C-alpha atoms as a PDB file:
ATOM      1  CA  UNK A   1      -3.516  22.576 222.119  1.00  0.00           C
ATOM      2  CA  UNK A   2      -4.999  20.610 225.010  1.00  0.00           C
ATOM      3  CA  UNK A   3      -2.207  19.744 227.456  1.00  0.00           C
ATOM      4  CA  UNK A   4      -4.125  17.157 229.477  1.00  0.00           C
ATOM      5  CA  UNK A   5      -1.571  14.465 228.716  1.00  0.00           C
ATOM      6  CA  UNK A   6       1.039  16.524 230.587  1.00  0.00           C
ATOM      7  CA  UNK A   7      -0.915  17.839 233.584  1.00  0.00           C
ATOM      8  CA  UNK A   8      -4.358  16.252 233.902  1.00  0.00           C
ATOM      9  CA  UNK A   9      -5.492  17.768 237.222  1.00  0.00           C
ATOM     10  CA  UNK A  10      -8.893  18.420 235.616  1.00  0.00           C
ATOM     11  CA  UNK A  11      -8.822  15.456 233.245  1.00  0.00           C
ATOM     12  CA  UNK A  12     -12.307  14.592 231.970  1.00  0.00           C
ATOM     13  CA  UNK A  13     -13.985  17.617 233.555  1.00  0.00           C
ATOM     14  CA  UNK A  14     -16.076  20.303 231.849  1.00  0.00           C
ATOM     15  CA  UNK A  15     -15.790  23.885 233.074  1.00  0.00           C
ATOM     16  CA  UNK A  16     -17.514  27.193 232.413  1.00  0.00           C
ATOM     17  CA  UNK A  17     -15.579  30.392 233.137  1.00  0.00           C
ATOM     18  CA  UNK A  18     -17.597  33.613 233.093  1.00  0.00           C
ATOM     19  CA  UNK A  19     -15.676  36.768 232.360  1.00  0.00           C
ATOM     20  CA  UNK A  20     -13.365  34.361 230.572  1.00  0.00           C
ATOM     21  CA  UNK A  21     -12.252  36.576 227.686  1.00  0.00           C
ATOM     22  CA  UNK A  22      -9.649  38.560 229.636  1.00  0.00           C
ATOM     23  CA  UNK A  23      -7.883  39.015 232.954  1.00  0.00           C
ATOM     24  CA  UNK A  24      -8.320  36.385 235.664  1.00  0.00           C
ATOM     25  CA  UNK A  25     -10.926  34.586 233.580  1.00  0.00           C
ATOM     26  CA  UNK A  26      -8.668  34.179 230.542  1.00  0.00           C
ATOM     27  CA  UNK A  27      -5.848  32.929 232.769  1.00  0.00           C
ATOM     28  CA  UNK A  28      -8.224  30.376 234.305  1.00  0.00           C
ATOM     29  CA  UNK A  29      -9.398  29.264 230.864  1.00  0.00           C
ATOM     30  CA  UNK A  30      -5.807  28.623 229.764  1.00  0.00           C
ATOM     31  CA  UNK A  31      -4.859  26.819 232.965  1.00  0.00           C
ATOM     32  CA  UNK A  32      -8.004  24.677 233.089  1.00  0.00           C
ATOM     33  CA  UNK A  33      -7.489  23.659 229.465  1.00  0.00           C
ATOM     34  CA  UNK A  34      -3.812  22.826 230.073  1.00  0.00           C
ATOM     35  CA  UNK A  35      -4.937  20.594 232.921  1.00  0.00           C
ATOM     36  CA  UNK A  36      -7.270  18.496 230.829  1.00  0.00           C
ATOM     37  CA  UNK A  37     -10.637  20.228 231.102  1.00  0.00           C
ATOM     38  CA  UNK A  38     -12.971  21.131 228.298  1.00  0.00           C
ATOM     39  CA  UNK A  39     -13.778  24.801 228.781  1.00  0.00           C
ATOM     40  CA  UNK A  40     -16.585  27.156 227.815  1.00  0.00           C
ATOM     41  CA  UNK A  41     -15.557  30.815 227.736  1.00  0.00           C
ATOM     42  CA  UNK A  42     -18.459  33.096 228.660  1.00  0.00           C
ATOM     43  CA  UNK A  43     -18.279  36.872 228.302  1.00  0.00           C
ATOM     44  CA  UNK A  44     -19.810  39.928 226.636  1.00  0.00           C
ATOM     45  CA  UNK A  45     -16.510  40.748 224.931  1.00  0.00           C
ATOM     46  CA  UNK A  46     -17.297  38.760 221.820  1.00  0.00           C
ATOM     47  CA  UNK A  47     -14.192  39.537 219.749  1.00  0.00           C
ATOM     48  CA  UNK A  48     -11.824  38.812 222.621  1.00  0.00           C
ATOM     49  CA  UNK A  49     -13.673  35.690 223.678  1.00  0.00           C
ATOM     50  CA  UNK A  50     -13.861  34.194 220.209  1.00  0.00           C
ATOM     51  CA  UNK A  51     -10.244  35.068 219.482  1.00  0.00           C
ATOM     52  CA  UNK A  52      -9.118  33.340 222.672  1.00  0.00           C
ATOM     53  CA  UNK A  53     -11.166  30.246 221.838  1.00  0.00           C
ATOM     54  CA  UNK A  54      -9.722  30.123 218.315  1.00  0.00           C
ATOM     55  CA  UNK A  55      -6.197  30.613 219.633  1.00  0.00           C
ATOM     56  CA  UNK A  56      -6.501  27.789 222.151  1.00  0.00           C
ATOM     57  CA  UNK A  57      -8.420  25.324 219.981  1.00  0.00           C
ATOM     58  CA  UNK A  58      -9.359  26.166 216.404  1.00  0.00           C
ATOM     59  CA  UNK A  59     -11.476  22.990 216.176  1.00  0.00           C
ATOM     60  CA  UNK A  60     -13.644  23.956 219.177  1.00  0.00           C
ATOM     61  CA  UNK A  61     -13.415  20.371 220.414  1.00  0.00           C
ATOM     62  CA  UNK A  62     -11.975  21.359 223.777  1.00  0.00           C
ATOM     63  CA  UNK A  63     -12.871  25.038 224.177  1.00  0.00           C
ATOM     64  CA  UNK A  64     -15.574  27.313 222.797  1.00  0.00           C
ATOM     65  CA  UNK A  65     -16.952  30.809 223.321  1.00  0.00           C
ATOM     66  CA  UNK A  66     -20.550  31.702 224.214  1.00  0.00           C
ATOM     67  CA  UNK A  67     -21.864  35.250 224.594  1.00  0.00           C
ATOM     68  CA  UNK A  68     -23.334  35.706 228.074  1.00  0.00           C
ATOM     69  CA  UNK A  69     -24.442  38.736 230.060  1.00  0.00           C
ATOM     70  CA  UNK A  70     -24.413  37.222 233.542  1.00  0.00           C
ATOM     71  CA  UNK A  71     -27.035  39.673 234.784  1.00  0.00           C
ATOM     72  CA  UNK A  72     -29.497  38.221 232.229  1.00  0.00           C
ATOM     73  CA  UNK A  73     -30.987  34.932 233.406  1.00  0.00           C
ATOM     74  CA  UNK A  74     -31.900  33.783 229.899  1.00  0.00           C
ATOM     75  CA  UNK A  75     -28.253  34.195 228.868  1.00  0.00           C
ATOM     76  CA  UNK A  76     -27.033  32.236 231.888  1.00  0.00           C
ATOM     77  CA  UNK A  77     -29.547  29.426 231.388  1.00  0.00           C
ATOM     78  CA  UNK A  78     -28.558  29.188 227.723  1.00  0.00           C
ATOM     79  CA  UNK A  79     -24.869  29.160 228.675  1.00  0.00           C
ATOM     80  CA  UNK A  80     -25.266  26.172 230.980  1.00  0.00           C
ATOM     81  CA  UNK A  81     -27.579  24.290 228.620  1.00  0.00           C
ATOM     82  CA  UNK A  82     -25.236  24.843 225.674  1.00  0.00           C
ATOM     83  CA  UNK A  83     -22.210  23.662 227.661  1.00  0.00           C
ATOM     84  CA  UNK A  84     -24.016  20.463 228.672  1.00  0.00           C
ATOM     85  CA  UNK A  85     -25.301  19.916 225.129  1.00  0.00           C
ATOM     86  CA  UNK A  86     -21.823  20.345 223.623  1.00  0.00           C
ATOM     87  CA  UNK A  87     -19.684  18.518 226.181  1.00  0.00           C
ATOM     88  CA  UNK A  88     -22.187  16.187 227.879  1.00  0.00           C
ATOM     89  CA  UNK A  89     -22.057  17.430 231.466  1.00  0.00           C
ATOM     90  CA  UNK A  90     -20.848  20.259 233.730  1.00  0.00           C
ATOM     91  CA  UNK A  91     -18.354  19.763 236.539  1.00  0.00           C
ATOM     92  CA  UNK A  92     -17.022  23.263 237.279  1.00  0.00           C
ATOM     93  CA  UNK A  93     -18.847  26.582 237.206  1.00  0.00           C
ATOM     94  CA  UNK A  94     -16.403  29.433 237.795  1.00  0.00           C
ATOM     95  CA  UNK A  95     -18.463  32.606 238.308  1.00  0.00           C
ATOM     96  CA  UNK A  96     -15.663  35.079 237.714  1.00  0.00           C
ATOM     97  CA  UNK A  97     -17.344  37.893 235.745  1.00  0.00           C
ATOM     98  CA  UNK A  98     -17.233  41.225 237.546  1.00  0.00           C
ATOM     99  CA  UNK A  99     -16.896  44.984 237.233  1.00  0.00           C
ATOM    100  CA  UNK A 100     -15.397  47.787 239.317  1.00  0.00           C
ATOM    101  CA  UNK A 101     -16.266  51.464 239.686  1.00  0.00           C
ATOM    102  CA  UNK A 102     -13.201  53.275 240.964  1.00  0.00           C
ATOM    103  CA  UNK A 103     -11.002  53.188 244.034  1.00  0.00           C
ATOM    104  CA  UNK A 104     -12.730  55.589 246.410  1.00  0.00           C
ATOM    105  CA  UNK A 105     -16.242  56.802 247.070  1.00  0.00           C
ATOM    106  CA  UNK A 106     -18.027  58.581 249.896  1.00  0.00           C
ATOM    107  CA  UNK A 107     -21.391  57.169 250.937  1.00  0.00           C
ATOM    108  CA  UNK A 108     -22.727  60.663 250.185  1.00  0.00           C
ATOM    109  CA  UNK A 109     -21.595  60.297 246.571  1.00  0.00           C
ATOM    110  CA  UNK A 110     -22.878  56.752 246.045  1.00  0.00           C
ATOM    111  CA  UNK A 111     -25.262  56.662 243.094  1.00  0.00           C
ATOM    112  CA  UNK A 112     -28.185  54.248 243.087  1.00  0.00           C
ATOM    113  CA  UNK A 113     -27.649  53.450 239.404  1.00  0.00           C
ATOM    114  CA  UNK A 114     -24.004  52.514 240.020  1.00  0.00           C
ATOM    115  CA  UNK A 115     -24.985  50.325 242.962  1.00  0.00           C
ATOM    116  CA  UNK A 116     -27.645  48.524 240.933  1.00  0.00           C
ATOM    117  CA  UNK A 117     -25.238  47.908 238.042  1.00  0.00           C
ATOM    118  CA  UNK A 118     -22.556  46.603 240.396  1.00  0.00           C
ATOM    119  CA  UNK A 119     -24.972  44.252 242.127  1.00  0.00           C
ATOM    120  CA  UNK A 120     -26.458  43.160 238.807  1.00  0.00           C
ATOM    121  CA  UNK A 121     -23.175  41.907 237.402  1.00  0.00           C
ATOM    122  CA  UNK A 122     -21.126  40.960 240.458  1.00  0.00           C
ATOM    123  CA  UNK A 123     -23.750  39.502 242.774  1.00  0.00           C
ATOM    124  CA  UNK A 124     -26.902  38.715 240.813  1.00  0.00           C
ATOM    125  CA  UNK A 125     -24.707  37.281 238.079  1.00  0.00           C
ATOM    126  CA  UNK A 126     -23.078  35.021 240.666  1.00  0.00           C
ATOM    127  CA  UNK A 127     -26.437  33.893 242.023  1.00  0.00           C
ATOM    128  CA  UNK A 128     -27.749  33.102 238.540  1.00  0.00           C
ATOM    129  CA  UNK A 129     -24.595  31.230 237.601  1.00  0.00           C
ATOM    130  CA  UNK A 130     -24.825  29.126 240.747  1.00  0.00           C
ATOM    131  CA  UNK A 131     -28.548  28.519 240.269  1.00  0.00           C
ATOM    132  CA  UNK A 132     -28.243  27.129 236.772  1.00  0.00           C
ATOM    133  CA  UNK A 133     -25.065  25.203 237.501  1.00  0.00           C
ATOM    134  CA  UNK A 134     -26.779  23.570 240.485  1.00  0.00           C
ATOM    135  CA  UNK A 135     -29.741  22.727 238.250  1.00  0.00           C
ATOM    136  CA  UNK A 136     -27.577  20.366 236.180  1.00  0.00           C
ATOM    137  CA  UNK A 137     -25.153  19.285 238.928  1.00  0.00           C
ATOM    138  CA  UNK A 138     -27.702  18.153 241.532  1.00  0.00           C
ATOM    139  CA  UNK A 139     -28.955  15.165 239.482  1.00  0.00           C
ATOM    140  CA  UNK A 140     -25.331  13.990 239.103  1.00  0.00           C
ATOM    141  CA  UNK A 141     -24.619  14.377 242.834  1.00  0.00           C
ATOM    142  CA  UNK A 142     -21.304  16.132 242.197  1.00  0.00           C
ATOM    143  CA  UNK A 143     -19.810  19.392 240.986  1.00  0.00           C
ATOM    144  CA  UNK A 144     -17.797  22.446 241.929  1.00  0.00           C
ATOM    145  CA  UNK A 145     -19.088  26.027 241.987  1.00  0.00           C
ATOM    146  CA  UNK A 146     -16.496  28.800 242.314  1.00  0.00           C
ATOM    147  CA  UNK A 147     -16.675  32.582 242.618  1.00  0.00           C
ATOM    148  CA  UNK A 148     -14.220  35.444 242.441  1.00  0.00           C
ATOM    149  CA  UNK A 149     -14.771  37.671 245.469  1.00  0.00           C
ATOM    150  CA  UNK A 150     -12.131  40.102 246.763  1.00  0.00           C
ATOM    151  CA  UNK A 151      -9.647  40.655 249.572  1.00  0.00           C
ATOM    152  CA  UNK A 152     -11.822  43.604 250.596  1.00  0.00           C
ATOM    153  CA  UNK A 153     -14.016  41.016 252.305  1.00  0.00           C
ATOM    154  CA  UNK A 154     -11.214  40.753 254.883  1.00  0.00           C
ATOM    155  CA  UNK A 155     -10.108  44.384 255.212  1.00  0.00           C
ATOM    156  CA  UNK A 156     -12.133  47.574 254.976  1.00  0.00           C
ATOM    157  CA  UNK A 157     -11.627  50.926 253.322  1.00  0.00           C
ATOM    158  CA  UNK A 158      -9.859  49.943 250.092  1.00  0.00           C
ATOM    159  CA  UNK A 159     -12.790  49.897 247.654  1.00  0.00           C
ATOM    160  CA  UNK A 160     -16.064  51.664 246.949  1.00  0.00           C
ATOM    161  CA  UNK A 161     -19.135  50.833 248.999  1.00  0.00           C
ATOM    162  CA  UNK A 162     -20.922  49.468 245.930  1.00  0.00           C
ATOM    163  CA  UNK A 163     -18.076  47.094 245.115  1.00  0.00           C
ATOM    164  CA  UNK A 164     -17.702  46.043 248.757  1.00  0.00           C
ATOM    165  CA  UNK A 165     -21.407  45.216 249.065  1.00  0.00           C
ATOM    166  CA  UNK A 166     -21.294  43.076 245.925  1.00  0.00           C
ATOM    167  CA  UNK A 167     -18.209  41.129 246.994  1.00  0.00           C
ATOM    168  CA  UNK A 168     -19.306  40.595 250.593  1.00  0.00           C
ATOM    169  CA  UNK A 169     -22.519  39.222 249.121  1.00  0.00           C
ATOM    170  CA  UNK A 170     -20.518  36.627 247.206  1.00  0.00           C
ATOM    171  CA  UNK A 171     -18.873  35.385 250.411  1.00  0.00           C
ATOM    172  CA  UNK A 172     -22.280  35.084 252.057  1.00  0.00           C
ATOM    173  CA  UNK A 173     -23.598  33.269 249.008  1.00  0.00           C
ATOM    174  CA  UNK A 174     -20.636  30.882 249.092  1.00  0.00           C
ATOM    175  CA  UNK A 175     -21.365  29.961 252.696  1.00  0.00           C
ATOM    176  CA  UNK A 176     -25.093  29.505 252.163  1.00  0.00           C
ATOM    177  CA  UNK A 177     -24.633  27.410 249.041  1.00  0.00           C
ATOM    178  CA  UNK A 178     -21.985  25.234 250.693  1.00  0.00           C
ATOM    179  CA  UNK A 179     -24.552  24.445 253.388  1.00  0.00           C
ATOM    180  CA  UNK A 180     -27.345  23.682 250.932  1.00  0.00           C
ATOM    181  CA  UNK A 181     -25.494  21.897 248.154  1.00  0.00           C
ATOM    182  CA  UNK A 182     -23.183  19.782 250.300  1.00  0.00           C
ATOM    183  CA  UNK A 183     -25.943  17.195 250.614  1.00  0.00           C
ATOM    184  CA  UNK A 184     -25.796  16.827 246.822  1.00  0.00           C
ATOM    185  CA  UNK A 185     -22.026  16.325 246.740  1.00  0.00           C
ATOM    186  CA  UNK A 186     -21.422  19.825 245.317  1.00  0.00           C
ATOM    187  CA  UNK A 187     -18.553  21.915 246.660  1.00  0.00           C
ATOM    188  CA  UNK A 188     -18.802  25.716 246.758  1.00  0.00           C
ATOM    189  CA  UNK A 189     -15.828  28.050 247.321  1.00  0.00           C
ATOM    190  CA  UNK A 190     -14.549  31.489 246.387  1.00  0.00           C
ATOM    191  CA  UNK A 191     -11.187  33.105 245.696  1.00  0.00           C
ATOM    192  CA  UNK A 192     -10.518  36.606 247.038  1.00  0.00           C
ATOM    193  CA  UNK A 193      -7.652  38.386 245.268  1.00  0.00           C
ATOM    194  CA  UNK A 194      -5.597  41.354 246.393  1.00  0.00           C
ATOM    195  CA  UNK A 195      -5.123  44.035 243.726  1.00  0.00           C
ATOM    196  CA  UNK A 196      -4.748  42.481 240.265  1.00  0.00           C
ATOM    197  CA  UNK A 197      -4.513  44.342 236.967  1.00  0.00           C
ATOM    198  CA  UNK A 198      -7.128  42.754 234.713  1.00  0.00           C
ATOM    199  CA  UNK A 199      -8.134  43.329 231.105  1.00  0.00           C
ATOM    200  CA  UNK A 200      -5.800  43.345 228.129  1.00  0.00           C
ATOM    201  CA  UNK A 201      -5.670  46.960 226.941  1.00  0.00           C
ATOM    202  CA  UNK A 202      -3.002  48.253 229.334  1.00  0.00           C
ATOM    203  CA  UNK A 203       0.231  49.835 228.193  1.00  0.00           C
ATOM    204  CA  UNK A 204       3.530  48.491 229.501  1.00  0.00           C
ATOM    205  CA  UNK A 205       3.956  51.731 231.430  1.00  0.00           C
ATOM    206  CA  UNK A 206       0.588  51.328 233.163  1.00  0.00           C
ATOM    207  CA  UNK A 207       1.412  47.741 234.049  1.00  0.00           C
ATOM    208  CA  UNK A 208       4.792  48.829 235.439  1.00  0.00           C
ATOM    209  CA  UNK A 209       3.235  51.606 237.516  1.00  0.00           C
ATOM    210  CA  UNK A 210       0.449  49.411 238.875  1.00  0.00           C
ATOM    211  CA  UNK A 211       2.717  46.527 239.784  1.00  0.00           C
ATOM    212  CA  UNK A 212       5.224  48.899 241.336  1.00  0.00           C
ATOM    213  CA  UNK A 213       2.529  50.456 243.509  1.00  0.00           C
ATOM    214  CA  UNK A 214       1.071  47.096 244.578  1.00  0.00           C
ATOM    215  CA  UNK A 215       4.547  45.796 245.383  1.00  0.00           C
ATOM    216  CA  UNK A 216       5.170  48.847 247.557  1.00  0.00           C
ATOM    217  CA  UNK A 217       1.923  48.597 249.540  1.00  0.00           C
ATOM    218  CA  UNK A 218       1.750  44.816 249.681  1.00  0.00           C
ATOM    219  CA  UNK A 219       2.823  42.837 252.719  1.00  0.00           C
ATOM    220  CA  UNK A 220       4.608  39.952 250.984  1.00  0.00           C
ATOM    221  CA  UNK A 221       7.730  41.242 249.268  1.00  0.00           C
ATOM    222  CA  UNK A 222       9.635  39.673 246.405  1.00  0.00           C
ATOM    223  CA  UNK A 223       6.761  39.222 243.977  1.00  0.00           C
ATOM    224  CA  UNK A 224       3.663  40.768 242.424  1.00  0.00           C
ATOM    225  CA  UNK A 225       0.216  39.207 242.319  1.00  0.00           C
ATOM    226  CA  UNK A 226      -0.916  38.520 238.764  1.00  0.00           C
ATOM    227  CA  UNK A 227      -4.042  37.071 237.158  1.00  0.00           C
ATOM    228  CA  UNK A 228      -2.415  33.683 236.665  1.00  0.00           C
ATOM    229  CA  UNK A 229      -1.825  33.411 240.417  1.00  0.00           C
ATOM    230  CA  UNK A 230      -5.568  33.661 241.032  1.00  0.00           C
ATOM    231  CA  UNK A 231      -6.154  31.119 238.267  1.00  0.00           C
ATOM    232  CA  UNK A 232      -3.835  28.722 240.112  1.00  0.00           C
ATOM    233  CA  UNK A 233      -5.892  29.141 243.288  1.00  0.00           C
ATOM    234  CA  UNK A 234      -9.067  28.450 241.300  1.00  0.00           C
ATOM    235  CA  UNK A 235      -7.433  25.389 239.742  1.00  0.00           C
ATOM    236  CA  UNK A 236      -6.713  23.977 243.182  1.00  0.00           C
ATOM    237  CA  UNK A 237     -10.299  24.516 244.337  1.00  0.00           C
ATOM    238  CA  UNK A 238     -11.676  23.020 241.124  1.00  0.00           C
ATOM    239  CA  UNK A 239      -9.449  19.939 241.285  1.00  0.00           C
ATOM    240  CA  UNK A 240      -9.840  16.714 243.221  1.00  0.00           C
ATOM    241  CA  UNK A 241      -7.002  17.897 245.454  1.00  0.00           C
ATOM    242  CA  UNK A 242      -9.674  20.011 247.157  1.00  0.00           C
ATOM    243  CA  UNK A 243     -12.229  17.191 247.234  1.00  0.00           C
ATOM    244  CA  UNK A 244     -13.258  17.930 250.847  1.00  0.00           C
ATOM    245  CA  UNK A 245     -12.914  21.704 250.717  1.00  0.00           C
ATOM    246  CA  UNK A 246     -16.201  23.623 250.702  1.00  0.00           C
ATOM    247  CA  UNK A 247     -17.372  26.933 252.119  1.00  0.00           C
ATOM    248  CA  UNK A 248     -13.879  28.427 251.869  1.00  0.00           C
ATOM    249  CA  UNK A 249     -13.028  32.046 251.077  1.00  0.00           C
ATOM    250  CA  UNK A 250      -9.462  31.567 249.836  1.00  0.00           C
ATOM    251  CA  UNK A 251      -7.816  34.973 250.277  1.00  0.00           C
ATOM    252  CA  UNK A 252      -4.806  35.482 248.001  1.00  0.00           C
ATOM    253  CA  UNK A 253      -3.284  38.697 249.325  1.00  0.00           C
ATOM    254  CA  UNK A 254       0.165  37.822 250.666  1.00  0.00           C
ATOM    255  CA  UNK A 255      -1.026  38.316 254.227  1.00  0.00           C
ATOM    256  CA  UNK A 256      -2.138  41.923 253.630  1.00  0.00           C
ATOM    257  CA  UNK A 257      -5.478  41.494 255.395  1.00  0.00           C
ATOM    258  CA  UNK A 258      -3.968  40.053 258.588  1.00  0.00           C
ATOM    259  CA  UNK A 259      -1.378  42.785 259.082  1.00  0.00           C
ATOM    260  CA  UNK A 260      -1.999  46.244 260.534  1.00  0.00           C
ATOM    261  CA  UNK A 261       1.243  48.223 260.145  1.00  0.00           C
ATOM    262  CA  UNK A 262      -0.072  51.387 261.810  1.00  0.00           C
ATOM    263  CA  UNK A 263       1.616  50.863 265.191  1.00  0.00           C
ATOM    264  CA  UNK A 264       4.924  49.863 263.620  1.00  0.00           C
ATOM    265  CA  UNK A 265       4.940  52.919 261.355  1.00  0.00           C
ATOM    266  CA  UNK A 266       4.045  55.231 264.206  1.00  0.00           C
ATOM    267  CA  UNK A 267       6.896  53.801 266.272  1.00  0.00           C
ATOM    268  CA  UNK A 268       9.397  54.246 263.441  1.00  0.00           C
ATOM    269  CA  UNK A 269       8.332  57.877 262.969  1.00  0.00           C
ATOM    270  CA  UNK A 270       9.006  58.818 266.621  1.00  0.00           C
END
């Protein structure tokens, strides 16, 4: 059920969320819809995506699912054109789709095929999403383009080289697009999360272990970062509350990237 009458922070807006069938994307879909937007879920997980759309709005008047491989330009162009055809315009393009490839990797072990796949989805997909969103936003002289990057863009050594390259590229893209598209009234920003457990096929034990670990290593105590927290950051950037915010890499990591505990730990161990 559309909750725009209650919240309305995105009232009258149309949004696309790539990678919207699960994880951060699904949380953003729910939150955007609750805040009055009409939402297009884009993903390659067809069963999950369609089920989410049916759950949220069985009439498809406010939310729908469209299959989209973000590394395929024809899919992305069709996604944007279908959204505009169905809902009349496009206000928010949230390029959230992404993949990972493990937690550690030596440069000597980096495989070209893995690098190309990572760049294809995470970075090329972001470029294509921005390109086709800009195509329909520029004539209207307004719009908001968002990306999901990563907190690794602020602190090194916590992800594979392939993943790091793809996410740093998104931050660079955000900056470049903010410079270009500002003259058309289009804002461009990205959200960079700390470790978040995404997907929907995790056992309760895995969730408990992951959240326990992240709570232990995180800087900000008393809570655990979850997908809905990143969705809230995206909601802010997509809303009129951020009407003069562009070119921002909003890092949601509880201060992890600005703290180096090495000296403190060494002192305590003496």
